[in-house]
Amino acid sequence: MKLIIEILLMGLVVFIGARLVPGVSIDGYGTAIIAAILIALANATIGFILRILTFPVNFLTLGLVSFIISVLMILLVSNIMSGFHVNGFWAAAFLAIVLAIIKAIFGAIAGTDKD
């Protein structure tokens, strides 16, 4: 049940983020849920591998490479999915920042308890 709630909340975060960031368009809430799942899967698979390969550089840049990898995963999902479109790197970077802020706000409101 917790997983379903997290998926729905992440879909809401993507939907709100797409409405706030210029250069990002999304068809609807259902598309936002699918985009959120695909972004999470891309970050968990391809993003994880890239983070391992770029660890020394990521360490030296204090996590900037990790942020760029997250932006690239958003661009990847935008390219493979219809109904979710991001106009370039800077729109994806701004979307990644907005998603992180909104997710942190939701986490603070809901209270993330570690079981």
Protein backbone atom coordinates (compact mmCIF):
# COMPACT_ATOMS: atom_id res chain seq x y z
CA MET A 1 0.00 0.00 0.00
CA LYS A 2 2.88 2.37 0.83
CA LEU A 3 4.42 1.80 -2.62
CA ILE A 4 1.16 2.73 -4.35
CA ILE A 5 0.89 5.93 -2.31
CA GLU A 6 4.50 6.84 -3.13
CA ILE A 7 3.88 6.24 -6.85
CA LEU A 8 0.74 8.41 -6.79
CA LEU A 9 2.54 11.16 -4.88
CA MET A 10 5.51 11.08 -7.25
CA GLY A 11 3.07 11.30 -10.16
CA LEU A 12 1.57 14.37 -8.50
CA VAL A 13 5.05 15.84 -8.02
CA VAL A 14 5.87 15.34 -11.71
CA PHE A 15 2.48 16.79 -12.72
CA ILE A 16 2.99 19.90 -10.55
CA GLY A 17 6.60 20.26 -11.68
CA ALA A 18 5.58 20.08 -15.33
CA ARG A 19 3.02 22.84 -14.73
CA LEU A 20 5.56 25.08 -12.97
CA VAL A 21 8.56 24.70 -15.30
CA PRO A 22 8.46 26.45 -18.67
CA GLY A 23 9.51 24.16 -21.49
CA VAL A 24 7.99 21.05 -19.93
CA SER A 25 4.62 19.72 -21.06
CA ILE A 26 2.63 16.73 -19.91
CA ASP A 27 -0.73 15.44 -21.13
CA GLY A 28 -2.34 14.58 -17.81
CA TYR A 29 -2.04 12.99 -14.40
CA GLY A 30 -1.94 9.44 -15.77
CA THR A 31 0.95 10.37 -18.02
CA ALA A 32 2.66 12.00 -15.02
CA ILE A 33 2.41 8.74 -13.05
CA ILE A 34 3.94 6.78 -15.94
CA ALA A 35 6.67 9.43 -16.35
CA ALA A 36 7.43 9.28 -12.61
CA ILE A 37 7.74 5.49 -12.74
CA LEU A 38 9.99 5.62 -15.81
CA ILE A 39 12.20 8.35 -14.30
CA ALA A 40 12.56 6.29 -11.12
CA LEU A 41 13.39 3.14 -13.13
CA ALA A 42 15.91 5.01 -15.29
CA ASN A 43 17.59 6.47 -12.20
CA ALA A 44 17.63 3.08 -10.47
CA THR A 45 19.18 1.23 -13.42
CA ILE A 46 21.07 3.35 -15.94
CA GLY A 47 21.60 6.20 -13.48
CA PHE A 48 22.98 3.84 -10.85
CA ILE A 49 25.49 2.36 -13.30
CA LEU A 50 26.56 5.82 -14.46
CA ARG A 51 26.96 6.99 -10.86
CA ILE A 52 29.23 4.03 -10.10
CA LEU A 53 31.33 4.68 -13.21
CA THR A 54 31.64 8.39 -12.49
CA PHE A 55 32.16 8.14 -8.72
CA PRO A 56 35.63 9.74 -8.62
CA VAL A 57 34.49 12.73 -10.68
CA ASN A 58 31.23 12.91 -8.72
CA PHE A 59 33.24 13.00 -5.49
CA LEU A 60 35.45 15.81 -6.77
CA THR A 61 32.48 17.88 -7.99
CA LEU A 62 30.52 17.39 -4.73
CA GLY A 63 27.62 15.60 -6.43
CA LEU A 64 27.24 17.79 -9.50
CA VAL A 65 27.75 14.80 -11.81
CA SER A 66 24.98 12.95 -9.98
CA PHE A 67 22.64 15.88 -10.61
CA ILE A 68 23.59 15.93 -14.30
CA ILE A 69 22.87 12.19 -14.50
CA SER A 70 19.41 12.81 -13.03
CA VAL A 71 18.80 15.52 -15.64
CA LEU A 72 19.90 13.13 -18.39
CA MET A 73 17.46 10.49 -17.09
CA ILE A 74 14.62 13.04 -17.34
CA LEU A 75 15.68 13.80 -20.91
CA LEU A 76 15.83 10.07 -21.68
CA VAL A 77 12.29 9.53 -20.42
CA SER A 78 11.14 12.57 -22.39
CA ASN A 79 12.60 11.07 -25.57
CA ILE A 80 11.11 7.60 -25.15
CA MET A 81 7.67 8.62 -23.88
CA SER A 82 4.87 10.33 -25.72
CA GLY A 83 2.82 12.81 -23.73
CA PHE A 84 5.81 14.04 -21.71
CA HIS A 85 8.09 16.53 -23.43
CA VAL A 86 11.05 18.52 -22.11
CA ASN A 87 12.57 21.27 -24.29
CA GLY A 88 16.28 20.85 -23.69
CA PHE A 89 18.82 20.44 -20.95
CA TRP A 90 18.05 23.62 -18.98
CA ALA A 91 14.32 22.87 -18.78
CA ALA A 92 15.18 19.36 -17.55
CA ALA A 93 17.65 20.78 -15.01
CA PHE A 94 15.06 23.22 -13.69
CA LEU A 95 12.49 20.39 -13.58
CA ALA A 96 14.90 18.21 -11.57
CA ILE A 97 15.38 21.02 -9.04
CA VAL A 98 11.64 21.69 -8.78
CA LEU A 99 10.91 17.94 -8.39
CA ALA A 100 13.45 17.66 -5.58
CA ILE A 101 12.01 20.69 -3.76
CA ILE A 102 8.38 19.55 -4.10
CA LYS A 103 9.27 16.00 -3.05
CA ALA A 104 11.10 17.37 0.02
CA ILE A 105 8.07 19.50 0.92
CA PHE A 106 5.72 16.50 0.58
CA GLY A 107 8.14 14.41 2.65
CA ALA A 108 8.21 17.03 5.40
CA ILE A 109 4.42 17.31 5.44
CA ALA A 110 3.75 13.58 5.33
CA GLY A 111 6.58 12.75 7.72
CA THR A 112 8.85 10.10 6.31
CA ASP A 113 9.17 7.35 8.90
CA LYS A 114 11.88 4.79 8.25
CA ASP A 115 10.53 1.28 8.90
